[in-house]
Amino acid sequence: MLSLLFIHWNPDPELFRIGSLPIRYYGLLWVVGIALAYLVVQRQYRDKKIGDNKFDPLFIYCFLGILIGARLGHCLFYQPDYYLNHFWEMVLPVKFLPDGDWKWTGYEGLASHGGTLGLIIALWLYCRKVKMHYIDVVDMIAVATPVCACCIRLANLMNSEIIGRPTDVPWAFVFERVDMQPRHPGQLYEALAYFIFFLGMVYLYRRGLKRRQEAEKPSYGKPKAMLPPAYPYHRGFFFGLCLAEIFTFRFFIEFLKENQVDFEEGMTLNMGQWLSIPFILTGLYFMFFYDRKKEEATKQ
């Protein structure tokens, strides 16, 4: 609904109920994001002719790694004083009331940095079990990660959370559940950016796959100079690109977003920005340095 130049935003977070159990947009969009990522990774496994017996366990490792990591990340990075004294609320999707009763809340608070760490650890455990090279797996996961991140930020938008700072731009959102100030729709900015990153990842992956397939065709005596170039991306490139682009964007978009917790008010950089820096540096390392010596040796 438009009022003058601004978009008034106040959707009901609940899509419907099954009995007394609410089904929220937030949880549904998380599931959609993970399901889309699952399909993208499944396609890559098939392109590489990796058997279903290795692919089948991947979903549960990723789901638990992201959920546990994202939840612990929020509780320990942003609200440690509260959750260290309310341990079961950190573990269970409920809130305990002063009268001893409890109510279902879902997991109110999931941190993307924690989810990324949880996923990285879960994939390490997965690779140990199925005997695959760790970087090969995270490269495939990296291609699919931005579409999942896009859905998560749309979930935040439906919850009217992680809001932007006040602004007078024509596309500003008035998050009526928060206040009546027009604000940057930071969640929407991130969702659009991550979707664009996903399209770029798919393009690069398909380009690399086509180059590899052409290089593997029989040469029939053609001179080496006339053969198509080999696969253009070294091991770890997609993993590094995913970390670098997502967390670089996350670093700068934080300047347009409200701080999530009170202790960030006096900080030059907020918690999200400090946590993004190690991921950016790790991404740059994998993009430009990891496995390069081995790659150069094979070309000689």
C-alpha atoms as a PDB file:
ATOM      1  CA  MET A   1       0.000   0.000   0.000  1.00  0.00           C
ATOM      2  CA  LEU A   2       1.439   3.382  -1.032  1.00  0.00           C
ATOM      3  CA  SER A   3       1.104   6.571   0.959  1.00  0.00           C
ATOM      4  CA  LEU A   4       2.599   9.537  -0.856  1.00  0.00           C
ATOM      5  CA  LEU A   5       6.081   8.353  -1.814  1.00  0.00           C
ATOM      6  CA  PHE A   6       6.604   5.691   0.831  1.00  0.00           C
ATOM      7  CA  ILE A   7       5.632   2.039   1.090  1.00  0.00           C
ATOM      8  CA  HIS A   8       3.712   1.204   4.264  1.00  0.00           C
ATOM      9  CA  TRP A   9       4.747  -2.289   5.319  1.00  0.00           C
ATOM     10  CA  ASN A  10       2.860  -4.294   7.915  1.00  0.00           C
ATOM     11  CA  PRO A  11       2.218  -7.887   6.735  1.00  0.00           C
ATOM     12  CA  ASP A  12       0.995 -10.511   9.174  1.00  0.00           C
ATOM     13  CA  PRO A  13       4.057 -12.700   9.931  1.00  0.00           C
ATOM     14  CA  GLU A  14       1.789 -15.750  10.101  1.00  0.00           C
ATOM     15  CA  LEU A  15       0.771 -17.306   6.800  1.00  0.00           C
ATOM     16  CA  PHE A  16      -1.705 -19.744   8.398  1.00  0.00           C
ATOM     17  CA  ARG A  17      -2.101 -22.085  11.359  1.00  0.00           C
ATOM     18  CA  ILE A  18      -2.219 -25.843  11.691  1.00  0.00           C
ATOM     19  CA  GLY A  19      -4.296 -26.163  14.842  1.00  0.00           C
ATOM     20  CA  SER A  20      -2.494 -24.012  17.387  1.00  0.00           C
ATOM     21  CA  LEU A  21       0.844 -24.182  15.513  1.00  0.00           C
ATOM     22  CA  PRO A  22       1.548 -21.013  13.489  1.00  0.00           C
ATOM     23  CA  ILE A  23       3.195 -21.319  10.073  1.00  0.00           C
ATOM     24  CA  ARG A  24       5.193 -18.131   9.554  1.00  0.00           C
ATOM     25  CA  TYR A  25       6.625 -16.606   6.405  1.00  0.00           C
ATOM     26  CA  TYR A  26       9.982 -16.555   8.183  1.00  0.00           C
ATOM     27  CA  GLY A  27      10.246 -20.307   8.609  1.00  0.00           C
ATOM     28  CA  LEU A  28       8.674 -21.020   5.234  1.00  0.00           C
ATOM     29  CA  LEU A  29      11.175 -18.814   3.384  1.00  0.00           C
ATOM     30  CA  TRP A  30      14.061 -20.460   5.222  1.00  0.00           C
ATOM     31  CA  VAL A  31      12.801 -23.844   4.015  1.00  0.00           C
ATOM     32  CA  VAL A  32      12.337 -22.533   0.452  1.00  0.00           C
ATOM     33  CA  GLY A  33      15.875 -21.120   0.434  1.00  0.00           C
ATOM     34  CA  ILE A  34      17.446 -24.352   1.632  1.00  0.00           C
ATOM     35  CA  ALA A  35      15.333 -26.394  -0.823  1.00  0.00           C
ATOM     36  CA  LEU A  36      16.418 -24.231  -3.789  1.00  0.00           C
ATOM     37  CA  ALA A  37      20.060 -24.509  -2.737  1.00  0.00           C
ATOM     38  CA  TYR A  38      19.598 -28.270  -2.406  1.00  0.00           C
ATOM     39  CA  LEU A  39      18.369 -28.537  -6.010  1.00  0.00           C
ATOM     40  CA  VAL A  40      21.246 -26.420  -7.338  1.00  0.00           C
ATOM     41  CA  VAL A  41      23.849 -28.553  -5.548  1.00  0.00           C
ATOM     42  CA  GLN A  42      22.114 -31.755  -6.657  1.00  0.00           C
ATOM     43  CA  ARG A  43      22.473 -30.618 -10.262  1.00  0.00           C
ATOM     44  CA  GLN A  44      26.201 -30.042  -9.749  1.00  0.00           C
ATOM     45  CA  TYR A  45      26.670 -33.511  -8.248  1.00  0.00           C
ATOM     46  CA  ARG A  46      25.000 -34.992 -11.321  1.00  0.00           C
ATOM     47  CA  ASP A  47      27.110 -32.871 -13.675  1.00  0.00           C
ATOM     48  CA  LYS A  48      30.204 -34.253 -11.955  1.00  0.00           C
ATOM     49  CA  LYS A  49      28.758 -37.789 -11.945  1.00  0.00           C
ATOM     50  CA  ILE A  50      28.955 -38.133  -8.146  1.00  0.00           C
ATOM     51  CA  GLY A  51      26.659 -40.873  -6.868  1.00  0.00           C
ATOM     52  CA  ASP A  52      23.453 -40.328  -4.902  1.00  0.00           C
ATOM     53  CA  ASN A  53      24.911 -42.321  -2.008  1.00  0.00           C
ATOM     54  CA  LYS A  54      27.263 -39.390  -1.385  1.00  0.00           C
ATOM     55  CA  PHE A  55      24.714 -36.691  -2.101  1.00  0.00           C
ATOM     56  CA  ASP A  56      21.837 -38.002   0.011  1.00  0.00           C
ATOM     57  CA  PRO A  57      23.368 -37.235   3.466  1.00  0.00           C
ATOM     58  CA  LEU A  58      24.301 -33.680   2.444  1.00  0.00           C
ATOM     59  CA  PHE A  59      20.937 -32.056   3.141  1.00  0.00           C
ATOM     60  CA  ILE A  60      20.744 -33.044   6.799  1.00  0.00           C
ATOM     61  CA  TYR A  61      24.328 -31.913   7.443  1.00  0.00           C
ATOM     62  CA  CYS A  62      23.663 -28.525   5.810  1.00  0.00           C
ATOM     63  CA  PHE A  63      20.286 -28.010   7.472  1.00  0.00           C
ATOM     64  CA  LEU A  64      21.536 -28.753  10.974  1.00  0.00           C
ATOM     65  CA  GLY A  65      24.796 -26.860  10.467  1.00  0.00           C
ATOM     66  CA  ILE A  66      23.038 -23.690   9.289  1.00  0.00           C
ATOM     67  CA  LEU A  67      20.282 -23.824  11.914  1.00  0.00           C
ATOM     68  CA  ILE A  68      22.511 -24.584  14.896  1.00  0.00           C
ATOM     69  CA  GLY A  69      25.226 -22.166  13.787  1.00  0.00           C
ATOM     70  CA  ALA A  70      22.795 -19.330  13.021  1.00  0.00           C
ATOM     71  CA  ARG A  71      20.999 -19.748  16.332  1.00  0.00           C
ATOM     72  CA  LEU A  72      24.152 -19.966  18.457  1.00  0.00           C
ATOM     73  CA  GLY A  73      25.657 -17.095  16.476  1.00  0.00           C
ATOM     74  CA  HIS A  74      22.765 -14.789  17.320  1.00  0.00           C
ATOM     75  CA  CYS A  75      22.624 -15.808  20.982  1.00  0.00           C
ATOM     76  CA  LEU A  76      26.372 -15.641  21.635  1.00  0.00           C
ATOM     77  CA  PHE A  77      27.372 -12.740  19.351  1.00  0.00           C
ATOM     78  CA  TYR A  78      24.432 -10.411  19.983  1.00  0.00           C
ATOM     79  CA  GLN A  79      22.683 -11.353  23.255  1.00  0.00           C
ATOM     80  CA  PRO A  80      25.107 -13.411  25.360  1.00  0.00           C
ATOM     81  CA  ASP A  81      24.040 -11.824  28.676  1.00  0.00           C
ATOM     82  CA  TYR A  82      20.453 -12.973  28.208  1.00  0.00           C
ATOM     83  CA  TYR A  83      20.893 -16.379  26.620  1.00  0.00           C
ATOM     84  CA  LEU A  84      23.708 -17.601  28.859  1.00  0.00           C
ATOM     85  CA  ASN A  85      21.174 -17.191  31.674  1.00  0.00           C
ATOM     86  CA  HIS A  86      18.308 -18.694  29.638  1.00  0.00           C
ATOM     87  CA  PHE A  87      20.023 -21.713  28.103  1.00  0.00           C
ATOM     88  CA  TRP A  88      16.888 -23.623  27.088  1.00  0.00           C
ATOM     89  CA  GLU A  89      15.524 -20.629  25.166  1.00  0.00           C
ATOM     90  CA  MET A  90      18.737 -20.733  23.133  1.00  0.00           C
ATOM     91  CA  VAL A  91      18.159 -24.412  22.306  1.00  0.00           C
ATOM     92  CA  LEU A  92      14.349 -24.614  22.043  1.00  0.00           C
ATOM     93  CA  PRO A  93      12.050 -22.412  19.891  1.00  0.00           C
ATOM     94  CA  VAL A  94      10.029 -21.292  22.955  1.00  0.00           C
ATOM     95  CA  LYS A  95       9.993 -18.502  25.525  1.00  0.00           C
ATOM     96  CA  PHE A  96       9.495 -19.293  29.196  1.00  0.00           C
ATOM     97  CA  LEU A  97       7.114 -16.897  30.953  1.00  0.00           C
ATOM     98  CA  PRO A  98       7.472 -15.562  34.527  1.00  0.00           C
ATOM     99  CA  ASP A  99       4.472 -17.616  35.711  1.00  0.00           C
ATOM    100  CA  GLY A 100       6.223 -20.849  34.707  1.00  0.00           C
ATOM    101  CA  ASP A 101       4.269 -21.293  31.485  1.00  0.00           C
ATOM    102  CA  TRP A 102       5.817 -21.107  28.012  1.00  0.00           C
ATOM    103  CA  LYS A 103       4.822 -20.061  24.495  1.00  0.00           C
ATOM    104  CA  TRP A 104       5.954 -21.130  21.050  1.00  0.00           C
ATOM    105  CA  THR A 105       7.968 -18.342  19.389  1.00  0.00           C
ATOM    106  CA  GLY A 106      10.043 -20.124  16.783  1.00  0.00           C
ATOM    107  CA  TYR A 107      13.719 -19.254  16.660  1.00  0.00           C
ATOM    108  CA  GLU A 108      13.569 -15.472  17.068  1.00  0.00           C
ATOM    109  CA  GLY A 109      17.093 -14.513  16.130  1.00  0.00           C
ATOM    110  CA  LEU A 110      19.369 -16.222  13.607  1.00  0.00           C
ATOM    111  CA  ALA A 111      22.749 -14.755  12.606  1.00  0.00           C
ATOM    112  CA  SER A 112      24.123 -15.223   9.098  1.00  0.00           C
ATOM    113  CA  HIS A 113      27.736 -15.238  10.315  1.00  0.00           C
ATOM    114  CA  GLY A 114      26.942 -18.047  12.740  1.00  0.00           C
ATOM    115  CA  GLY A 115      25.039 -19.915  10.038  1.00  0.00           C
ATOM    116  CA  THR A 116      28.066 -19.687   7.737  1.00  0.00           C
ATOM    117  CA  LEU A 117      30.393 -21.016  10.432  1.00  0.00           C
ATOM    118  CA  GLY A 118      27.948 -23.792  11.268  1.00  0.00           C
ATOM    119  CA  LEU A 119      27.718 -24.777   7.606  1.00  0.00           C
ATOM    120  CA  ILE A 120      31.509 -24.824   7.214  1.00  0.00           C
ATOM    121  CA  ILE A 121      31.876 -27.135  10.230  1.00  0.00           C
ATOM    122  CA  ALA A 122      28.987 -29.381   9.135  1.00  0.00           C
ATOM    123  CA  LEU A 123      30.504 -29.771   5.663  1.00  0.00           C
ATOM    124  CA  TRP A 124      33.833 -30.773   7.202  1.00  0.00           C
ATOM    125  CA  LEU A 125      32.039 -33.559   9.100  1.00  0.00           C
ATOM    126  CA  TYR A 126      30.159 -34.554   5.940  1.00  0.00           C
ATOM    127  CA  CYS A 127      33.360 -34.761   3.882  1.00  0.00           C
ATOM    128  CA  ARG A 128      35.006 -36.954   6.481  1.00  0.00           C
ATOM    129  CA  LYS A 129      32.067 -39.344   6.292  1.00  0.00           C
ATOM    130  CA  VAL A 130      31.731 -39.594   2.502  1.00  0.00           C
ATOM    131  CA  LYS A 131      35.475 -39.278   1.735  1.00  0.00           C
ATOM    132  CA  MET A 132      35.261 -36.240  -0.586  1.00  0.00           C
ATOM    133  CA  HIS A 133      37.684 -33.339  -0.883  1.00  0.00           C
ATOM    134  CA  TYR A 134      36.411 -30.572   1.382  1.00  0.00           C
ATOM    135  CA  ILE A 135      37.066 -27.672  -1.010  1.00  0.00           C
ATOM    136  CA  ASP A 136      35.347 -29.462  -3.894  1.00  0.00           C
ATOM    137  CA  VAL A 137      32.198 -29.691  -1.775  1.00  0.00           C
ATOM    138  CA  VAL A 138      32.246 -26.105  -0.478  1.00  0.00           C
ATOM    139  CA  ASP A 139      32.781 -24.885  -4.048  1.00  0.00           C
ATOM    140  CA  MET A 140      29.523 -26.564  -5.051  1.00  0.00           C
ATOM    141  CA  ILE A 141      27.710 -25.258  -1.976  1.00  0.00           C
ATOM    142  CA  ALA A 142      29.011 -21.758  -2.711  1.00  0.00           C
ATOM    143  CA  VAL A 143      27.260 -21.642  -6.090  1.00  0.00           C
ATOM    144  CA  ALA A 144      23.911 -22.241  -4.364  1.00  0.00           C
ATOM    145  CA  THR A 145      24.434 -20.189  -1.190  1.00  0.00           C
ATOM    146  CA  PRO A 146      23.346 -16.760  -2.518  1.00  0.00           C
ATOM    147  CA  VAL A 147      19.839 -17.954  -3.448  1.00  0.00           C
ATOM    148  CA  CYS A 148      19.376 -19.275   0.080  1.00  0.00           C
ATOM    149  CA  ALA A 149      20.671 -15.981   1.512  1.00  0.00           C
ATOM    150  CA  CYS A 150      18.178 -14.124  -0.704  1.00  0.00           C
ATOM    151  CA  CYS A 151      15.250 -16.083   0.751  1.00  0.00           C
ATOM    152  CA  ILE A 152      16.465 -15.508   4.313  1.00  0.00           C
ATOM    153  CA  ARG A 153      16.550 -11.748   3.814  1.00  0.00           C
ATOM    154  CA  LEU A 154      13.033 -11.870   2.337  1.00  0.00           C
ATOM    155  CA  ALA A 155      12.053 -13.713   5.519  1.00  0.00           C
ATOM    156  CA  ASN A 156      13.494 -10.831   7.544  1.00  0.00           C
ATOM    157  CA  LEU A 157      11.471  -8.415   5.410  1.00  0.00           C
ATOM    158  CA  MET A 158       8.249 -10.300   6.142  1.00  0.00           C
ATOM    159  CA  ASN A 159       9.103 -10.119   9.846  1.00  0.00           C
ATOM    160  CA  SER A 160       9.832  -6.359   9.670  1.00  0.00           C
ATOM    161  CA  GLU A 161      13.236  -6.987  11.281  1.00  0.00           C
ATOM    162  CA  ILE A 162      16.803  -5.906  10.558  1.00  0.00           C
ATOM    163  CA  ILE A 163      15.390  -2.578   9.405  1.00  0.00           C
ATOM    164  CA  GLY A 164      17.271   0.272   7.750  1.00  0.00           C
ATOM    165  CA  ARG A 165      18.006   3.758   8.980  1.00  0.00           C
ATOM    166  CA  PRO A 166      15.536   6.635   8.405  1.00  0.00           C
ATOM    167  CA  THR A 167      15.630   8.099   4.903  1.00  0.00           C
ATOM    168  CA  ASP A 168      13.578  10.180   2.487  1.00  0.00           C
ATOM    169  CA  VAL A 169      14.258   8.132  -0.673  1.00  0.00           C
ATOM    170  CA  PRO A 170      11.039   7.491  -2.663  1.00  0.00           C
ATOM    171  CA  TRP A 171      11.225   3.719  -2.171  1.00  0.00           C
ATOM    172  CA  ALA A 172      11.525   3.941   1.625  1.00  0.00           C
ATOM    173  CA  PHE A 173       9.483   1.481   3.695  1.00  0.00           C
ATOM    174  CA  VAL A 174       7.457   2.479   6.738  1.00  0.00           C
ATOM    175  CA  PHE A 175       7.731  -0.555   9.019  1.00  0.00           C
ATOM    176  CA  GLU A 176       4.531   0.056  10.955  1.00  0.00           C
ATOM    177  CA  ARG A 177       5.276  -2.658  13.514  1.00  0.00           C
ATOM    178  CA  VAL A 178       8.385  -0.669  14.504  1.00  0.00           C
ATOM    179  CA  ASP A 179       7.498   3.016  14.047  1.00  0.00           C
ATOM    180  CA  MET A 180       6.130   5.377  11.396  1.00  0.00           C
ATOM    181  CA  GLN A 181       9.479   6.599  10.055  1.00  0.00           C
ATOM    182  CA  PRO A 182      10.338   5.906   6.407  1.00  0.00           C
ATOM    183  CA  ARG A 183      13.448   3.733   6.347  1.00  0.00           C
ATOM    184  CA  HIS A 184      15.833   2.010   3.954  1.00  0.00           C
ATOM    185  CA  PRO A 185      14.518  -1.504   3.192  1.00  0.00           C
ATOM    186  CA  GLY A 186      17.919  -3.026   3.968  1.00  0.00           C
ATOM    187  CA  GLN A 187      16.516  -6.560   3.823  1.00  0.00           C
ATOM    188  CA  LEU A 188      15.300  -5.961   0.264  1.00  0.00           C
ATOM    189  CA  TYR A 189      18.636  -4.465  -0.793  1.00  0.00           C
ATOM    190  CA  GLU A 190      20.395  -7.583   0.444  1.00  0.00           C
ATOM    191  CA  ALA A 191      17.874  -9.977  -1.093  1.00  0.00           C
ATOM    192  CA  LEU A 192      18.250  -8.341  -4.527  1.00  0.00           C
ATOM    193  CA  ALA A 193      22.052  -8.296  -4.264  1.00  0.00           C
ATOM    194  CA  TYR A 194      22.217 -11.955  -3.283  1.00  0.00           C
ATOM    195  CA  PHE A 195      19.905 -12.942  -6.136  1.00  0.00           C
ATOM    196  CA  ILE A 196      22.192 -11.120  -8.588  1.00  0.00           C
ATOM    197  CA  PHE A 197      25.203 -12.866  -7.026  1.00  0.00           C
ATOM    198  CA  PHE A 198      23.411 -16.187  -7.522  1.00  0.00           C
ATOM    199  CA  LEU A 199      22.800 -15.480 -11.222  1.00  0.00           C
ATOM    200  CA  GLY A 200      26.484 -14.601 -11.595  1.00  0.00           C
ATOM    201  CA  MET A 201      27.550 -17.788  -9.819  1.00  0.00           C
ATOM    202  CA  VAL A 202      25.358 -19.939 -12.075  1.00  0.00           C
ATOM    203  CA  TYR A 203      26.713 -18.184 -15.174  1.00  0.00           C
ATOM    204  CA  LEU A 204      30.334 -18.765 -14.125  1.00  0.00           C
ATOM    205  CA  TYR A 205      29.628 -22.373 -13.183  1.00  0.00           C
ATOM    206  CA  ARG A 206      27.914 -23.131 -16.515  1.00  0.00           C
ATOM    207  CA  ARG A 207      30.725 -21.377 -18.405  1.00  0.00           C
ATOM    208  CA  GLY A 208      33.327 -23.438 -16.578  1.00  0.00           C
ATOM    209  CA  LEU A 209      31.389 -26.674 -17.128  1.00  0.00           C
ATOM    210  CA  LYS A 210      31.126 -25.996 -20.853  1.00  0.00           C
ATOM    211  CA  ARG A 211      34.864 -25.273 -21.076  1.00  0.00           C
ATOM    212  CA  ARG A 212      35.658 -28.502 -19.215  1.00  0.00           C
ATOM    213  CA  GLN A 213      33.402 -30.572 -21.474  1.00  0.00           C
ATOM    214  CA  GLU A 214      34.987 -29.057 -24.584  1.00  0.00           C
ATOM    215  CA  ALA A 215      38.480 -29.708 -23.258  1.00  0.00           C
ATOM    216  CA  GLU A 216      37.618 -33.364 -22.539  1.00  0.00           C
ATOM    217  CA  LYS A 217      36.472 -34.044 -26.116  1.00  0.00           C
ATOM    218  CA  PRO A 218      38.904 -36.111 -28.251  1.00  0.00           C
ATOM    219  CA  SER A 219      41.417 -33.828 -29.995  1.00  0.00           C
ATOM    220  CA  TYR A 220      41.904 -36.078 -33.067  1.00  0.00           C
ATOM    221  CA  GLY A 221      45.467 -34.875 -33.585  1.00  0.00           C
ATOM    222  CA  LYS A 222      44.769 -31.146 -33.416  1.00  0.00           C
ATOM    223  CA  PRO A 223      47.741 -29.003 -32.344  1.00  0.00           C
ATOM    224  CA  LYS A 224      47.616 -28.018 -28.659  1.00  0.00           C
ATOM    225  CA  ALA A 225      47.201 -24.324 -29.567  1.00  0.00           C
ATOM    226  CA  MET A 226      43.949 -25.137 -31.380  1.00  0.00           C
ATOM    227  CA  LEU A 227      42.364 -27.007 -28.457  1.00  0.00           C
ATOM    228  CA  PRO A 228      39.773 -25.222 -26.257  1.00  0.00           C
ATOM    229  CA  PRO A 229      41.133 -23.872 -22.941  1.00  0.00           C
ATOM    230  CA  ALA A 230      40.749 -26.089 -19.893  1.00  0.00           C
ATOM    231  CA  TYR A 231      38.522 -25.432 -16.882  1.00  0.00           C
ATOM    232  CA  PRO A 232      39.216 -21.777 -15.989  1.00  0.00           C
ATOM    233  CA  TYR A 233      38.603 -21.824 -12.203  1.00  0.00           C
ATOM    234  CA  HIS A 234      40.974 -23.289  -9.672  1.00  0.00           C
ATOM    235  CA  ARG A 235      39.811 -25.333  -6.697  1.00  0.00           C
ATOM    236  CA  GLY A 236      38.415 -22.993  -4.031  1.00  0.00           C
ATOM    237  CA  PHE A 237      37.523 -20.159  -6.423  1.00  0.00           C
ATOM    238  CA  PHE A 238      33.739 -20.383  -5.984  1.00  0.00           C
ATOM    239  CA  PHE A 239      34.037 -20.727  -2.216  1.00  0.00           C
ATOM    240  CA  GLY A 240      36.208 -17.622  -2.072  1.00  0.00           C
ATOM    241  CA  LEU A 241      34.001 -15.643  -4.454  1.00  0.00           C
ATOM    242  CA  CYS A 242      30.884 -16.460  -2.414  1.00  0.00           C
ATOM    243  CA  LEU A 243      32.438 -15.337   0.872  1.00  0.00           C
ATOM    244  CA  ALA A 244      34.023 -12.221  -0.620  1.00  0.00           C
ATOM    245  CA  GLU A 245      30.982 -10.891  -2.455  1.00  0.00           C
ATOM    246  CA  ILE A 246      28.346 -11.656   0.199  1.00  0.00           C
ATOM    247  CA  PHE A 247      30.287 -10.362   3.180  1.00  0.00           C
ATOM    248  CA  THR A 248      31.724  -7.335   1.360  1.00  0.00           C
ATOM    249  CA  PHE A 249      28.182  -6.312   0.491  1.00  0.00           C
ATOM    250  CA  ARG A 250      27.102  -7.125   4.038  1.00  0.00           C
ATOM    251  CA  PHE A 251      29.895  -4.903   5.415  1.00  0.00           C
ATOM    252  CA  PHE A 252      28.797  -1.836   3.446  1.00  0.00           C
ATOM    253  CA  ILE A 253      25.031  -2.333   3.734  1.00  0.00           C
ATOM    254  CA  GLU A 254      25.413  -2.193   7.528  1.00  0.00           C
ATOM    255  CA  PHE A 255      25.950   1.581   7.191  1.00  0.00           C
ATOM    256  CA  LEU A 256      22.313   1.843   6.045  1.00  0.00           C
ATOM    257  CA  LYS A 257      20.886  -0.429   8.761  1.00  0.00           C
ATOM    258  CA  GLU A 258      19.927   0.176  12.344  1.00  0.00           C
ATOM    259  CA  ASN A 259      22.101  -1.486  14.954  1.00  0.00           C
ATOM    260  CA  GLN A 260      20.546  -4.714  16.188  1.00  0.00           C
ATOM    261  CA  VAL A 261      21.625  -4.482  19.826  1.00  0.00           C
ATOM    262  CA  ASP A 262      22.288  -1.586  22.203  1.00  0.00           C
ATOM    263  CA  PHE A 263      25.994  -2.236  22.765  1.00  0.00           C
ATOM    264  CA  GLU A 264      26.679  -1.460  19.080  1.00  0.00           C
ATOM    265  CA  GLU A 265      25.726   2.202  19.506  1.00  0.00           C
ATOM    266  CA  GLY A 266      29.199   3.292  20.611  1.00  0.00           C
ATOM    267  CA  MET A 267      31.094   1.184  18.067  1.00  0.00           C
ATOM    268  CA  THR A 268      32.794   2.613  14.966  1.00  0.00           C
ATOM    269  CA  LEU A 269      31.931  -0.599  13.148  1.00  0.00           C
ATOM    270  CA  ASN A 270      29.029  -2.720  14.362  1.00  0.00           C
ATOM    271  CA  MET A 271      29.174  -6.405  15.230  1.00  0.00           C
ATOM    272  CA  GLY A 272      28.025  -7.492  11.770  1.00  0.00           C
ATOM    273  CA  GLN A 273      30.855  -5.537  10.143  1.00  0.00           C
ATOM    274  CA  TRP A 274      33.558  -6.854  12.487  1.00  0.00           C
ATOM    275  CA  LEU A 275      32.345 -10.405  11.903  1.00  0.00           C
ATOM    276  CA  SER A 276      32.337  -9.859   8.126  1.00  0.00           C
ATOM    277  CA  ILE A 277      36.018  -8.903   7.884  1.00  0.00           C
ATOM    278  CA  PRO A 278      37.467 -12.418   8.524  1.00  0.00           C
ATOM    279  CA  PHE A 279      35.065 -13.883   5.955  1.00  0.00           C
ATOM    280  CA  ILE A 280      36.102 -11.280   3.354  1.00  0.00           C
ATOM    281  CA  LEU A 281      39.805 -11.985   3.916  1.00  0.00           C
ATOM    282  CA  THR A 282      39.213 -15.734   3.754  1.00  0.00           C
ATOM    283  CA  GLY A 283      37.272 -15.287   0.526  1.00  0.00           C
ATOM    284  CA  LEU A 284      40.033 -13.243  -1.099  1.00  0.00           C
ATOM    285  CA  TYR A 285      42.610 -15.863  -0.100  1.00  0.00           C
ATOM    286  CA  PHE A 286      40.638 -18.676  -1.718  1.00  0.00           C
ATOM    287  CA  MET A 287      39.921 -16.606  -4.827  1.00  0.00           C
ATOM    288  CA  PHE A 288      43.476 -15.517  -5.548  1.00  0.00           C
ATOM    289  CA  PHE A 289      45.945 -17.723  -3.696  1.00  0.00           C
ATOM    290  CA  TYR A 290      44.591 -21.132  -2.660  1.00  0.00           C
ATOM    291  CA  ASP A 291      45.758 -24.047  -4.843  1.00  0.00           C
ATOM    292  CA  ARG A 292      47.470 -21.723  -7.313  1.00  0.00           C
ATOM    293  CA  LYS A 293      50.957 -23.262  -6.903  1.00  0.00           C
ATOM    294  CA  LYS A 294      49.558 -26.715  -7.618  1.00  0.00           C
ATOM    295  CA  GLU A 295      47.621 -25.329 -10.603  1.00  0.00           C
ATOM    296  CA  GLU A 296      50.744 -23.661 -12.054  1.00  0.00           C
ATOM    297  CA  ALA A 297      52.756 -26.840 -11.571  1.00  0.00           C
ATOM    298  CA  THR A 298      50.261 -28.872 -13.595  1.00  0.00           C
ATOM    299  CA  LYS A 299      50.449 -26.387 -16.480  1.00  0.00           C
ATOM    300  CA  GLN A 300      54.245 -26.704 -16.799  1.00  0.00           C
END
